[in-house]
C-alpha atoms as a PDB file:
ATOM      1  CA  MET A   1    -174.209 160.914 -85.925  1.00  0.00           C
ATOM      2  CA  CYS A   2    -175.923 163.389 -83.755  1.00  0.00           C
ATOM      3  CA  GLU A   3    -173.299 165.467 -81.584  1.00  0.00           C
ATOM      4  CA  ARG A   4    -174.261 167.297 -79.013  1.00  0.00           C
ATOM      5  CA  THR A   5    -173.277 171.217 -79.492  1.00  0.00           C
ATOM      6  CA  ASP A   6    -175.364 172.688 -76.574  1.00  0.00           C
ATOM      7  CA  SER A   7    -173.355 171.616 -73.486  1.00  0.00           C
ATOM      8  CA  LEU A   8    -174.885 174.375 -71.369  1.00  0.00           C
ATOM      9  CA  ASN A   9    -178.360 172.796 -71.740  1.00  0.00           C
ATOM     10  CA  GLY A  10    -177.058 169.105 -71.222  1.00  0.00           C
ATOM     11  CA  GLY A  11    -178.012 167.921 -74.617  1.00  0.00           C
ATOM     12  CA  LYS A  12    -181.682 169.015 -74.393  1.00  0.00           C
ATOM     13  CA  LEU A  13    -181.424 170.442 -77.572  1.00  0.00           C
ATOM     14  CA  ARG A  14    -180.127 167.378 -79.190  1.00  0.00           C
ATOM     15  CA  GLN A  15    -182.787 165.272 -77.660  1.00  0.00           C
ATOM     16  CA  ARG A  16    -185.618 168.046 -79.106  1.00  0.00           C
ATOM     17  CA  ALA A  17    -184.047 167.841 -82.380  1.00  0.00           C
ATOM     18  CA  LEU A  18    -183.918 163.940 -82.420  1.00  0.00           C
ATOM     19  CA  ALA A  19    -187.634 163.892 -81.275  1.00  0.00           C
ATOM     20  CA  TRP A  20    -188.820 166.657 -83.982  1.00  0.00           C
ATOM     21  CA  ILE A  21    -187.259 164.763 -86.669  1.00  0.00           C
ATOM     22  CA  ALA A  22    -188.987 161.519 -85.536  1.00  0.00           C
ATOM     23  CA  ALA A  23    -192.235 163.628 -85.374  1.00  0.00           C
ATOM     24  CA  VAL A  24    -191.857 165.154 -89.025  1.00  0.00           C
ATOM     25  CA  GLN A  25    -191.508 161.522 -90.696  1.00  0.00           C
ATOM     26  CA  SER A  26    -194.490 160.164 -88.744  1.00  0.00           C
ATOM     27  CA  SER A  27    -196.514 163.378 -89.685  1.00  0.00           C
ATOM     28  CA  VAL A  28    -198.310 161.898 -92.554  1.00  0.00           C
ATOM     29  CA  PRO A  29    -200.700 158.773 -92.423  1.00  0.00           C
ATOM     30  CA  GLY A  30    -198.715 155.561 -92.659  1.00  0.00           C
ATOM     31  CA  VAL A  31    -197.493 152.746 -90.576  1.00  0.00           C
ATOM     32  CA  ALA A  32    -194.712 152.774 -88.073  1.00  0.00           C
ATOM     33  CA  THR A  33    -193.051 149.314 -87.062  1.00  0.00           C
ATOM     34  CA  ASP A  34    -190.519 148.752 -84.198  1.00  0.00           C
ATOM     35  CA  TRP A  35    -187.770 146.724 -85.471  1.00  0.00           C
ATOM     36  CA  THR A  36    -184.132 145.536 -83.399  1.00  0.00           C
ATOM     37  CA  HIS A  37    -182.640 148.712 -83.560  1.00  0.00           C
ATOM     38  CA  GLY A  38    -185.119 151.552 -84.784  1.00  0.00           C
ATOM     39  CA  THR A  39    -188.215 152.146 -86.653  1.00  0.00           C
ATOM     40  CA  VAL A  40    -189.507 151.509 -90.369  1.00  0.00           C
ATOM     41  CA  LEU A  41    -192.007 153.829 -91.727  1.00  0.00           C
ATOM     42  CA  ARG A  42    -194.064 153.058 -94.653  1.00  0.00           C
ATOM     43  CA  ALA A  43    -196.769 155.836 -96.034  1.00  0.00           C
ATOM     44  CA  GLU A  44    -198.559 153.495 -98.507  1.00  0.00           C
ATOM     45  CA  ASP A  45    -200.459 156.822 -99.763  1.00  0.00           C
ATOM     46  CA  TYR A  46    -197.102 158.477-100.579  1.00  0.00           C
ATOM     47  CA  PRO A  47    -194.797 156.180-101.820  1.00  0.00           C
ATOM     48  CA  THR A  48    -192.282 158.222-103.880  1.00  0.00           C
ATOM     49  CA  PHE A  49    -191.929 160.360-100.792  1.00  0.00           C
ATOM     50  CA  TRP A  50    -189.045 159.081 -99.547  1.00  0.00           C
ATOM     51  CA  ASP A  51    -188.832 160.861 -96.252  1.00  0.00           C
ATOM     52  CA  PHE A  52    -191.713 158.899 -95.249  1.00  0.00           C
ATOM     53  CA  ASN A  53    -190.655 155.515 -96.455  1.00  0.00           C
ATOM     54  CA  VAL A  54    -187.671 154.867 -94.826  1.00  0.00           C
ATOM     55  CA  VAL A  55    -185.455 152.470 -92.605  1.00  0.00           C
ATOM     56  CA  ARG A  56    -184.828 154.578 -89.314  1.00  0.00           C
ATOM     57  CA  VAL A  57    -181.644 153.278 -87.411  1.00  0.00           C
ATOM     58  CA  GLU A  58    -181.960 154.783 -83.779  1.00  0.00           C
ATOM     59  CA  GLU A  59    -179.192 153.179 -81.818  1.00  0.00           C
ATOM     60  CA  ASP A  60    -175.647 151.573 -82.969  1.00  0.00           C
ATOM     61  CA  PRO A  61    -177.155 148.180 -85.062  1.00  0.00           C
ATOM     62  CA  GLN A  62    -174.205 145.767 -84.507  1.00  0.00           C
ATOM     63  CA  LEU A  63    -174.878 145.197 -88.097  1.00  0.00           C
ATOM     64  CA  SER A  64    -172.848 144.996 -91.326  1.00  0.00           C
ATOM     65  CA  VAL A  65    -173.767 147.461 -94.410  1.00  0.00           C
ATOM     66  CA  ALA A  66    -174.918 144.208 -96.238  1.00  0.00           C
ATOM     67  CA  GLU A  67    -177.103 142.989 -92.979  1.00  0.00           C
ATOM     68  CA  LEU A  68    -178.746 146.618 -93.152  1.00  0.00           C
ATOM     69  CA  ILE A  69    -179.088 146.755 -97.237  1.00  0.00           C
ATOM     70  CA  ALA A  70    -180.673 143.142 -96.733  1.00  0.00           C
ATOM     71  CA  PHE A  71    -183.226 144.349 -93.882  1.00  0.00           C
ATOM     72  CA  ALA A  72    -184.449 147.432 -96.038  1.00  0.00           C
ATOM     73  CA  GLU A  73    -184.641 145.248 -99.243  1.00  0.00           C
ATOM     74  CA  GLU A  74    -187.544 143.200 -97.242  1.00  0.00           C
ATOM     75  CA  ALA A  75    -188.876 145.958 -95.140  1.00  0.00           C
ATOM     76  CA  LEU A  76    -189.298 148.667 -98.053  1.00  0.00           C
ATOM     77  CA  ALA A  77    -190.536 145.710-100.762  1.00  0.00           C
ATOM     78  CA  GLY A  78    -192.615 146.874-102.913  1.00  0.00           C
ATOM     79  CA  LEU A  79    -191.169 150.788-103.364  1.00  0.00           C
ATOM     80  CA  GLU A  80    -189.237 151.946-105.871  1.00  0.00           C
ATOM     81  CA  HIS A  81    -186.379 153.363-103.782  1.00  0.00           C
ATOM     82  CA  ARG A  82    -184.506 152.144-100.459  1.00  0.00           C
ATOM     83  CA  ARG A  83    -183.373 154.569 -97.832  1.00  0.00           C
ATOM     84  CA  VAL A  84    -181.992 153.874 -94.426  1.00  0.00           C
ATOM     85  CA  ASP A  85    -181.337 156.850 -92.065  1.00  0.00           C
ATOM     86  CA  PHE A  86    -179.100 157.059 -88.928  1.00  0.00           C
ATOM     87  CA  LEU A  87    -181.174 158.943 -86.769  1.00  0.00           C
ATOM     88  CA  GLY A  88    -178.647 159.137 -83.664  1.00  0.00           C
ATOM     89  CA  PRO A  89    -176.159 156.878 -83.824  1.00  0.00           C
ATOM     90  CA  ASP A  90    -172.675 157.642 -86.108  1.00  0.00           C
ATOM     91  CA  ALA A  91    -172.979 156.651 -89.520  1.00  0.00           C
ATOM     92  CA  THR A  92    -169.204 157.284 -90.522  1.00  0.00           C
ATOM     93  CA  TRP A  93    -168.085 153.753 -90.543  1.00  0.00           C
ATOM     94  CA  ALA A  94    -171.027 152.832 -93.106  1.00  0.00           C
ATOM     95  CA  ARG A  95    -170.553 155.464 -95.899  1.00  0.00           C
ATOM     96  CA  ALA A  96    -167.698 153.789 -97.820  1.00  0.00           C
ATOM     97  CA  GLU A  97    -169.680 150.263 -98.093  1.00  0.00           C
ATOM     98  CA  PHE A  98    -173.145 151.810 -98.805  1.00  0.00           C
ATOM     99  CA  GLU A  99    -171.543 154.033-101.487  1.00  0.00           C
ATOM    100  CA  ALA A 100    -169.886 150.990-102.914  1.00  0.00           C
ATOM    101  CA  ALA A 101    -172.919 149.393-103.203  1.00  0.00           C
ATOM    102  CA  GLY A 102    -174.370 152.421-105.517  1.00  0.00           C
ATOM    103  CA  TRP A 103    -176.295 154.267-102.258  1.00  0.00           C
ATOM    104  CA  LEU A 104    -176.258 158.161-102.303  1.00  0.00           C
ATOM    105  CA  PRO A 105    -174.990 159.291 -98.774  1.00  0.00           C
ATOM    106  CA  LEU A 106    -176.193 162.835 -97.068  1.00  0.00           C
ATOM    107  CA  ARG A 107    -175.230 164.008 -93.842  1.00  0.00           C
ATOM    108  CA  LEU A 108    -177.754 166.401 -92.791  1.00  0.00           C
ATOM    109  CA  LEU A 109    -176.699 169.257 -90.240  1.00  0.00           C
ATOM    110  CA  TRP A 110    -179.666 170.442 -88.023  1.00  0.00           C
ATOM    111  CA  MET A 111    -179.426 173.758 -86.682  1.00  0.00           C
ATOM    112  CA  HIS A 112    -181.527 175.790 -84.169  1.00  0.00           C
ATOM    113  CA  HIS A 113    -182.524 179.246 -84.238  1.00  0.00           C
ATOM    114  CA  ALA A 114    -181.036 180.860 -81.069  1.00  0.00           C
ATOM    115  CA  GLY A 115    -183.167 184.061 -81.137  1.00  0.00           C
ATOM    116  CA  SER A 116    -183.560 187.428 -82.833  1.00  0.00           C
ATOM    117  CA  THR A 117    -181.274 188.444 -84.985  1.00  0.00           C
ATOM    118  CA  PRO A 118    -180.757 191.388 -87.576  1.00  0.00           C
ATOM    119  CA  ALA A 119    -182.050 190.625 -91.214  1.00  0.00           C
ATOM    120  CA  LEU A 120    -179.618 190.283 -93.570  1.00  0.00           C
ATOM    121  CA  GLY A 121    -180.336 191.005 -97.556  1.00  0.00           C
ATOM    122  CA  ASP A 122    -183.534 192.868 -99.108  1.00  0.00           C
ATOM    123  CA  VAL A 123    -186.438 191.286 -97.352  1.00  0.00           C
ATOM    124  CA  SER A 124    -188.427 193.866 -99.138  1.00  0.00           C
ATOM    125  CA  ALA A 125    -187.979 191.940-102.202  1.00  0.00           C
ATOM    126  CA  VAL A 126    -189.621 189.130-100.562  1.00  0.00           C
ATOM    127  CA  GLU A 127    -193.413 188.496-100.489  1.00  0.00           C
ATOM    128  CA  GLU A 128    -195.751 185.692 -99.413  1.00  0.00           C
ATOM    129  CA  LEU A 129    -196.963 183.620-102.295  1.00  0.00           C
ATOM    130  CA  PRO A 130    -199.521 180.775-102.681  1.00  0.00           C
ATOM    131  CA  TYR A 131    -198.164 177.508-102.824  1.00  0.00           C
ATOM    132  CA  ASP A 132    -198.552 176.820-106.351  1.00  0.00           C
ATOM    133  CA  ALA A 133    -197.158 180.003-107.199  1.00  0.00           C
ATOM    134  CA  VAL A 134    -193.481 178.661-107.464  1.00  0.00           C
ATOM    135  CA  ARG A 135    -194.007 175.097-109.156  1.00  0.00           C
ATOM    136  CA  ASP A 136    -191.508 175.870-111.912  1.00  0.00           C
ATOM    137  CA  LEU A 137    -188.729 176.623-109.164  1.00  0.00           C
ATOM    138  CA  ARG A 138    -189.560 173.101-107.417  1.00  0.00           C
ATOM    139  CA  ILE A 139    -189.260 171.436-110.816  1.00  0.00           C
ATOM    140  CA  ALA A 140    -186.132 173.396-111.739  1.00  0.00           C
ATOM    141  CA  TRP A 141    -184.552 172.522-108.119  1.00  0.00           C
ATOM    142  CA  HIS A 142    -185.206 169.363-108.885  1.00  0.00           C
ATOM    143  CA  ALA A 143    -183.753 169.148-112.281  1.00  0.00           C
ATOM    144  CA  GLU A 144    -180.639 170.438-111.075  1.00  0.00           C
ATOM    145  CA  ASP A 145    -180.042 167.322-108.576  1.00  0.00           C
ATOM    146  CA  PHE A 146    -181.435 164.720-111.025  1.00  0.00           C
ATOM    147  CA  PRO A 147    -180.958 166.422-114.280  1.00  0.00           C
ATOM    148  CA  GLU A 148    -182.144 163.045-116.433  1.00  0.00           C
ATOM    149  CA  GLN A 149    -184.665 162.250-114.243  1.00  0.00           C
ATOM    150  CA  ASP A 150    -188.193 161.674-115.789  1.00  0.00           C
ATOM    151  CA  ARG A 151    -190.122 165.024-115.367  1.00  0.00           C
ATOM    152  CA  GLU A 152    -193.560 163.208-115.572  1.00  0.00           C
ATOM    153  CA  ARG A 153    -192.561 160.902-112.646  1.00  0.00           C
ATOM    154  CA  TYR A 154    -191.375 164.001-110.519  1.00  0.00           C
ATOM    155  CA  GLU A 155    -194.716 166.086-111.454  1.00  0.00           C
ATOM    156  CA  GLN A 156    -196.720 163.230-110.235  1.00  0.00           C
ATOM    157  CA  HIS A 157    -194.781 163.451-107.073  1.00  0.00           C
ATOM    158  CA  LEU A 158    -195.513 167.035-106.704  1.00  0.00           C
ATOM    159  CA  LEU A 159    -198.996 166.243-106.146  1.00  0.00           C
ATOM    160  CA  SER A 160    -198.048 164.135-102.995  1.00  0.00           C
ATOM    161  CA  ALA A 161    -195.957 166.822-101.803  1.00  0.00           C
ATOM    162  CA  ARG A 162    -198.423 169.752-102.095  1.00  0.00           C
ATOM    163  CA  GLU A 163    -201.000 167.297 -99.986  1.00  0.00           C
ATOM    164  CA  VAL A 164    -198.290 166.603 -97.470  1.00  0.00           C
ATOM    165  CA  ALA A 165    -197.163 170.621 -97.361  1.00  0.00           C
ATOM    166  CA  GLY A 166    -201.048 171.262 -96.909  1.00  0.00           C
ATOM    167  CA  MET A 167    -200.990 168.998 -93.552  1.00  0.00           C
ATOM    168  CA  HIS A 168    -197.821 170.689 -92.511  1.00  0.00           C
ATOM    169  CA  GLY A 169    -199.374 174.180 -92.968  1.00  0.00           C
ATOM    170  CA  ALA A 170    -196.528 175.352 -95.466  1.00  0.00           C
ATOM    171  CA  ARG A 171    -195.988 178.708 -96.044  1.00  0.00           C
ATOM    172  CA  VAL A 172    -194.141 180.345 -99.153  1.00  0.00           C
ATOM    173  CA  LEU A 173    -192.260 183.387 -99.359  1.00  0.00           C
ATOM    174  CA  ALA A 174    -190.653 184.270-102.839  1.00  0.00           C
ATOM    175  CA  ALA A 175    -188.361 186.536-104.306  1.00  0.00           C
ATOM    176  CA  HIS A 176    -188.778 188.052-107.829  1.00  0.00           C
ATOM    177  CA  ARG A 177    -186.883 189.982-110.659  1.00  0.00           C
ATOM    178  CA  GLN A 178    -188.878 191.519-113.427  1.00  0.00           C
ATOM    179  CA  GLU A 179    -191.926 190.396-111.946  1.00  0.00           C
ATOM    180  CA  HIS A 180    -190.936 186.510-111.798  1.00  0.00           C
ATOM    181  CA  PRO A 181    -190.348 184.512-108.821  1.00  0.00           C
ATOM    182  CA  VAL A 182    -186.699 183.485-109.143  1.00  0.00           C
ATOM    183  CA  GLY A 183    -186.346 181.871-105.784  1.00  0.00           C
ATOM    184  CA  PHE A 184    -188.255 180.576-102.707  1.00  0.00           C
ATOM    185  CA  ALA A 185    -188.660 179.395 -98.621  1.00  0.00           C
ATOM    186  CA  GLN A 186    -190.823 177.104 -97.642  1.00  0.00           C
ATOM    187  CA  LEU A 187    -191.865 176.826 -94.068  1.00  0.00           C
ATOM    188  CA  GLU A 188    -193.495 173.876 -92.279  1.00  0.00           C
ATOM    189  CA  SER A 189    -194.888 173.242 -88.864  1.00  0.00           C
ATOM    190  CA  VAL A 190    -195.046 170.326 -87.016  1.00  0.00           C
ATOM    191  CA  ALA A 191    -195.535 169.003 -83.342  1.00  0.00           C
ATOM    192  CA  GLY A 192    -195.503 172.960 -82.198  1.00  0.00           C
ATOM    193  CA  ALA A 193    -192.445 173.456 -83.978  1.00  0.00           C
ATOM    194  CA  VAL A 194    -191.626 175.138 -87.280  1.00  0.00           C
ATOM    195  CA  GLU A 195    -188.787 174.619 -90.234  1.00  0.00           C
ATOM    196  CA  ILE A 196    -187.442 176.442 -92.969  1.00  0.00           C
ATOM    197  CA  SER A 197    -187.691 173.372 -95.253  1.00  0.00           C
ATOM    198  CA  GLN A 198    -186.775 174.731 -98.546  1.00  0.00           C
ATOM    199  CA  VAL A 199    -184.665 177.446 -99.622  1.00  0.00           C
ATOM    200  CA  PHE A 200    -183.847 177.600-103.547  1.00  0.00           C
ATOM    201  CA  VAL A 201    -182.359 180.399-105.787  1.00  0.00           C
ATOM    202  CA  LEU A 202    -182.366 179.739-109.380  1.00  0.00           C
ATOM    203  CA  PRO A 203    -178.750 179.398-110.632  1.00  0.00           C
ATOM    204  CA  GLU A 204    -178.383 182.485-112.852  1.00  0.00           C
ATOM    205  CA  HIS A 205    -179.598 184.643-109.597  1.00  0.00           C
ATOM    206  CA  ARG A 206    -177.350 183.299-107.166  1.00  0.00           C
ATOM    207  CA  GLY A 207    -174.513 185.721-105.505  1.00  0.00           C
ATOM    208  CA  ALA A 208    -176.803 188.469-105.365  1.00  0.00           C
ATOM    209  CA  GLY A 209    -178.209 188.280-101.828  1.00  0.00           C
ATOM    210  CA  LEU A 210    -181.845 186.607-102.289  1.00  0.00           C
ATOM    211  CA  GLY A 211    -181.273 183.300-100.633  1.00  0.00           C
ATOM    212  CA  THR A 212    -180.047 185.588 -97.450  1.00  0.00           C
ATOM    213  CA  ALA A 213    -183.109 187.728 -98.019  1.00  0.00           C
ATOM    214  CA  LEU A 214    -185.151 184.478 -97.970  1.00  0.00           C
ATOM    215  CA  ALA A 215    -183.964 183.165 -95.452  1.00  0.00           C
ATOM    216  CA  SER A 216    -184.151 186.216 -93.098  1.00  0.00           C
ATOM    217  CA  ALA A 217    -188.000 186.785 -94.512  1.00  0.00           C
ATOM    218  CA  ALA A 218    -188.703 183.008 -93.141  1.00  0.00           C
ATOM    219  CA  ILE A 219    -187.079 183.691 -89.748  1.00  0.00           C
ATOM    220  CA  ALA A 220    -189.393 186.837 -89.592  1.00  0.00           C
ATOM    221  CA  ALA A 221    -192.331 185.100 -90.436  1.00  0.00           C
ATOM    222  CA  ALA A 222    -191.895 182.326 -87.530  1.00  0.00           C
ATOM    223  CA  PRO A 223    -191.582 185.071 -84.849  1.00  0.00           C
ATOM    224  CA  ASP A 224    -193.553 182.780 -82.263  1.00  0.00           C
ATOM    225  CA  ALA A 225    -192.351 179.085 -82.952  1.00  0.00           C
ATOM    226  CA  GLU A 226    -191.392 177.225 -79.637  1.00  0.00           C
ATOM    227  CA  ASP A 227    -188.352 175.743 -81.939  1.00  0.00           C
ATOM    228  CA  LEU A 228    -187.228 177.286 -85.502  1.00  0.00           C
ATOM    229  CA  TRP A 229    -185.256 174.719 -87.456  1.00  0.00           C
ATOM    230  CA  ILE A 230    -183.426 174.587 -90.569  1.00  0.00           C
ATOM    231  CA  CYS A 231    -181.554 171.880 -92.225  1.00  0.00           C
ATOM    232  CA  ALA A 232    -178.431 171.954 -94.218  1.00  0.00           C
ATOM    233  CA  ASP A 233    -176.088 169.610 -96.111  1.00  0.00           C
ATOM    234  CA  ASP A 234    -172.881 169.232 -93.728  1.00  0.00           C
ATOM    235  CA  ASP A 235    -170.363 169.210 -96.888  1.00  0.00           C
ATOM    236  CA  ALA A 236    -172.205 172.343 -98.518  1.00  0.00           C
ATOM    237  CA  ARG A 237    -171.741 176.225 -97.503  1.00  0.00           C
ATOM    238  CA  ALA A 238    -175.254 177.027 -97.003  1.00  0.00           C
ATOM    239  CA  LYS A 239    -174.578 176.101 -93.191  1.00  0.00           C
ATOM    240  CA  HIS A 240    -172.482 179.054 -92.808  1.00  0.00           C
ATOM    241  CA  LEU A 241    -175.157 181.797 -94.023  1.00  0.00           C
ATOM    242  CA  TYR A 242    -177.128 179.880 -91.627  1.00  0.00           C
ATOM    243  CA  GLU A 243    -174.761 180.373 -88.619  1.00  0.00           C
ATOM    244  CA  ARG A 244    -175.006 184.095 -89.571  1.00  0.00           C
ATOM    245  CA  LEU A 245    -178.483 184.296 -89.321  1.00  0.00           C
ATOM    246  CA  GLY A 246    -178.614 183.103 -85.654  1.00  0.00           C
ATOM    247  CA  PHE A 247    -178.857 179.326 -86.507  1.00  0.00           C
ATOM    248  CA  ARG A 248    -176.621 176.853 -84.439  1.00  0.00           C
ATOM    249  CA  PRO A 249    -175.455 173.342 -85.134  1.00  0.00           C
ATOM    250  CA  VAL A 250    -177.287 170.820 -82.808  1.00  0.00           C
ATOM    251  CA  CYS A 251    -176.708 167.425 -84.632  1.00  0.00           C
ATOM    252  CA  VAL A 252    -175.728 165.613 -87.634  1.00  0.00           C
ATOM    253  CA  THR A 253    -178.043 162.454 -89.363  1.00  0.00           C
ATOM    254  CA  THR A 254    -176.954 160.589 -92.321  1.00  0.00           C
ATOM    255  CA  GLN A 255    -179.278 159.302 -94.997  1.00  0.00           C
ATOM    256  CA  PHE A 256    -178.482 156.408 -97.318  1.00  0.00           C
ATOM    257  CA  LEU A 257    -180.513 156.579-100.283  1.00  0.00           C
ATOM    258  CA  ARG A 258    -180.867 154.139-103.204  1.00  0.00           C
ATOM    259  CA  LEU A 259    -182.789 155.692-106.401  1.00  0.00           C
ATOM    260  CA  PRO A 260    -185.160 154.168-108.330  1.00  0.00           C
ATOM    261  CA  ALA A 261    -183.975 151.828-110.719  1.00  0.00           C
ATOM    262  CA  GLY A 262    -183.384 153.577-114.165  1.00  0.00           C
ATOM    263  CA  THR A 263    -182.799 157.136-112.234  1.00  0.00           C
ATOM    264  CA  PRO A 264    -179.488 158.436-113.415  1.00  0.00           C
ATOM    265  CA  ILE A 265    -177.186 160.483-110.715  1.00  0.00           C
ATOM    266  CA  GLY A 266    -176.643 164.115-111.567  1.00  0.00           C
END
């Protein structure tokens, strides 16, 4: 579902958000194929990158969940995962059946920065670092979400992630404790807009304001962005922090993901 929240602008932000999300998903080399209800994206050079290998539903599909799964099986054949994104239409009706079939649902709240806001947290504790300086933090984040997934497979994926981040001009900001990075934020640029694409703090360092400081520093690092976006799990608490930092909800999209065979769910 993509709900309009910018009524004074007649939904323009909603349309910009949808167009920008689509642009990000099409920003790496690959093939985009129209289908009756949206677009199929295949990035053959990045088969482990779920964001770029996806069936995108852009209008009411008028199909059952079983039919959508069957279509995804065919459209994404040869890949280890399957993913169906509802980019626009409401997906609430489909959630229970996808879950029953073993797919993971994720509702994403896309938020737009409304303008300058006072920095929160101690931004002096944050500095920009090279991309690879927070590699261990990326691995820790993934292990938190998928604690039993094969680490070697994920480290191979990190090579693709690094290439894609380079295409997007990624910048990394990190917070330190005792000279070691314990949290980071990442900014990426696509189609004239900027996204704070990642914010992560090690569990043992949460609750001390580092996430707030990282997000504040990331906002300050993109003062001239035409649009500044951030995405939050709509069922989690981070969206409330982002609202305090000046982000406003624009729309909700829904992803359904079937993990590669043998991947335990943490």
